[in-house]
């Protein structure tokens, strides 16, 4: 009866996975850092933060990007980690 809801949920999950893969590809091109290395960094960062807080891994993200930093506005590789802490 409610199969149409299941299909939308599966479709949404698939869309999110595809979006994350595309972001990883773009990030790799911008930063010249392999996906394997990025995954290792993500796991290590999460592991360290989990020593102090309980992190909601499903809602947390760690990624690389380029940002202009400093007075010179030089473009640098930046690691961004957004972690949702469970209460």
C-alpha atoms as a PDB file:
ATOM      1  CA  UNK A   1       0.000   0.000   0.000  1.00  0.00           C
ATOM      2  CA  UNK A   2       2.771   2.461   0.908  1.00  0.00           C
ATOM      3  CA  UNK A   3       5.327   1.205  -1.623  1.00  0.00           C
ATOM      4  CA  UNK A   4       5.517   4.662  -3.183  1.00  0.00           C
ATOM      5  CA  UNK A   5       7.083   5.972   0.062  1.00  0.00           C
ATOM      6  CA  UNK A   6       9.740   3.265   0.014  1.00  0.00           C
ATOM      7  CA  UNK A   7      10.690   4.098  -3.568  1.00  0.00           C
ATOM      8  CA  UNK A   8      11.173   7.780  -2.742  1.00  0.00           C
ATOM      9  CA  UNK A   9      13.331   6.907   0.273  1.00  0.00           C
ATOM     10  CA  UNK A  10      15.538   4.593  -1.810  1.00  0.00           C
ATOM     11  CA  UNK A  11      15.703   7.214  -4.558  1.00  0.00           C
ATOM     12  CA  UNK A  12      16.703   9.876  -2.026  1.00  0.00           C
ATOM     13  CA  UNK A  13      19.473   7.667  -0.609  1.00  0.00           C
ATOM     14  CA  UNK A  14      20.744   6.958  -4.119  1.00  0.00           C
ATOM     15  CA  UNK A  15      20.730  10.681  -4.894  1.00  0.00           C
ATOM     16  CA  UNK A  16      22.722  11.436  -1.734  1.00  0.00           C
ATOM     17  CA  UNK A  17      25.305   8.752  -2.556  1.00  0.00           C
ATOM     18  CA  UNK A  18      25.681  10.059  -6.113  1.00  0.00           C
ATOM     19  CA  UNK A  19      26.035  13.633  -4.832  1.00  0.00           C
ATOM     20  CA  UNK A  20      28.735  12.620  -2.338  1.00  0.00           C
ATOM     21  CA  UNK A  21      30.639  10.698  -5.031  1.00  0.00           C
ATOM     22  CA  UNK A  22      30.537  13.700  -7.349  1.00  0.00           C
ATOM     23  CA  UNK A  23      31.757  15.974  -4.549  1.00  0.00           C
ATOM     24  CA  UNK A  24      34.628  13.562  -3.872  1.00  0.00           C
ATOM     25  CA  UNK A  25      35.613  13.537  -7.555  1.00  0.00           C
ATOM     26  CA  UNK A  26      35.557  17.340  -7.756  1.00  0.00           C
ATOM     27  CA  UNK A  27      37.491  17.624  -4.509  1.00  0.00           C
ATOM     28  CA  UNK A  28      40.136  15.177  -5.723  1.00  0.00           C
ATOM     29  CA  UNK A  29      40.611  17.220  -8.888  1.00  0.00           C
ATOM     30  CA  UNK A  30      40.922  20.460  -6.919  1.00  0.00           C
ATOM     31  CA  UNK A  31      43.253  19.204  -4.201  1.00  0.00           C
ATOM     32  CA  UNK A  32      45.243  16.392  -5.853  1.00  0.00           C
ATOM     33  CA  UNK A  33      44.649  14.161  -2.798  1.00  0.00           C
ATOM     34  CA  UNK A  34      43.535  10.562  -3.327  1.00  0.00           C
ATOM     35  CA  UNK A  35      40.167   9.297  -2.113  1.00  0.00           C
ATOM     36  CA  UNK A  36      41.928   6.605  -0.066  1.00  0.00           C
ATOM     37  CA  UNK A  37      43.975   9.187   1.785  1.00  0.00           C
ATOM     38  CA  UNK A  38      40.903  11.345   2.388  1.00  0.00           C
ATOM     39  CA  UNK A  39      38.978   8.362   3.783  1.00  0.00           C
ATOM     40  CA  UNK A  40      41.872   7.593   6.149  1.00  0.00           C
ATOM     41  CA  UNK A  41      41.873  11.211   7.351  1.00  0.00           C
ATOM     42  CA  UNK A  42      38.090  11.138   7.874  1.00  0.00           C
ATOM     43  CA  UNK A  43      38.333   7.967   9.972  1.00  0.00           C
ATOM     44  CA  UNK A  44      41.231   9.328  12.034  1.00  0.00           C
ATOM     45  CA  UNK A  45      39.513  12.665  12.727  1.00  0.00           C
ATOM     46  CA  UNK A  46      36.291  10.907  13.700  1.00  0.00           C
ATOM     47  CA  UNK A  47      38.187   8.513  15.955  1.00  0.00           C
ATOM     48  CA  UNK A  48      39.921  11.343  17.826  1.00  0.00           C
ATOM     49  CA  UNK A  49      36.733  13.376  18.293  1.00  0.00           C
ATOM     50  CA  UNK A  50      34.893  10.234  19.457  1.00  0.00           C
ATOM     51  CA  UNK A  51      37.351  10.003  22.352  1.00  0.00           C
ATOM     52  CA  UNK A  52      35.805  13.179  23.782  1.00  0.00           C
ATOM     53  CA  UNK A  53      32.258  13.281  22.380  1.00  0.00           C
ATOM     54  CA  UNK A  54      29.706  10.870  20.989  1.00  0.00           C
ATOM     55  CA  UNK A  55      29.471  11.826  17.325  1.00  0.00           C
ATOM     56  CA  UNK A  56      26.509  11.168  15.046  1.00  0.00           C
ATOM     57  CA  UNK A  57      28.527   9.739  12.163  1.00  0.00           C
ATOM     58  CA  UNK A  58      25.578   9.652   9.753  1.00  0.00           C
ATOM     59  CA  UNK A  59      25.071  13.412  10.027  1.00  0.00           C
ATOM     60  CA  UNK A  60      28.748  14.413  10.091  1.00  0.00           C
ATOM     61  CA  UNK A  61      30.959  15.327   7.146  1.00  0.00           C
ATOM     62  CA  UNK A  62      34.667  15.818   6.607  1.00  0.00           C
ATOM     63  CA  UNK A  63      35.914  17.090   3.284  1.00  0.00           C
ATOM     64  CA  UNK A  64      38.681  18.971   1.525  1.00  0.00           C
ATOM     65  CA  UNK A  65      38.152  22.173  -0.356  1.00  0.00           C
ATOM     66  CA  UNK A  66      40.112  25.190  -1.499  1.00  0.00           C
ATOM     67  CA  UNK A  67      39.750  28.552   0.221  1.00  0.00           C
ATOM     68  CA  UNK A  68      41.459  31.899  -0.054  1.00  0.00           C
ATOM     69  CA  UNK A  69      43.225  32.482   3.256  1.00  0.00           C
ATOM     70  CA  UNK A  70      45.249  35.265   4.810  1.00  0.00           C
ATOM     71  CA  UNK A  71      45.963  38.826   3.814  1.00  0.00           C
ATOM     72  CA  UNK A  72      47.330  37.688   0.464  1.00  0.00           C
ATOM     73  CA  UNK A  73      44.117  35.721  -0.209  1.00  0.00           C
ATOM     74  CA  UNK A  74      46.250  32.803  -1.375  1.00  0.00           C
ATOM     75  CA  UNK A  75      44.196  29.747  -2.307  1.00  0.00           C
ATOM     76  CA  UNK A  76      44.996  26.848   0.048  1.00  0.00           C
ATOM     77  CA  UNK A  77      43.749  23.302   0.566  1.00  0.00           C
ATOM     78  CA  UNK A  78      41.518  23.248   3.666  1.00  0.00           C
ATOM     79  CA  UNK A  79      40.171  20.291   5.643  1.00  0.00           C
ATOM     80  CA  UNK A  80      36.637  21.000   6.877  1.00  0.00           C
ATOM     81  CA  UNK A  81      35.012  18.773   9.465  1.00  0.00           C
ATOM     82  CA  UNK A  82      31.415  19.256  10.569  1.00  0.00           C
ATOM     83  CA  UNK A  83      30.515  16.851  13.348  1.00  0.00           C
ATOM     84  CA  UNK A  84      27.128  16.536  14.966  1.00  0.00           C
ATOM     85  CA  UNK A  85      27.524  15.732  18.658  1.00  0.00           C
ATOM     86  CA  UNK A  86      24.902  13.465  20.218  1.00  0.00           C
ATOM     87  CA  UNK A  87      23.297  14.784  23.387  1.00  0.00           C
END
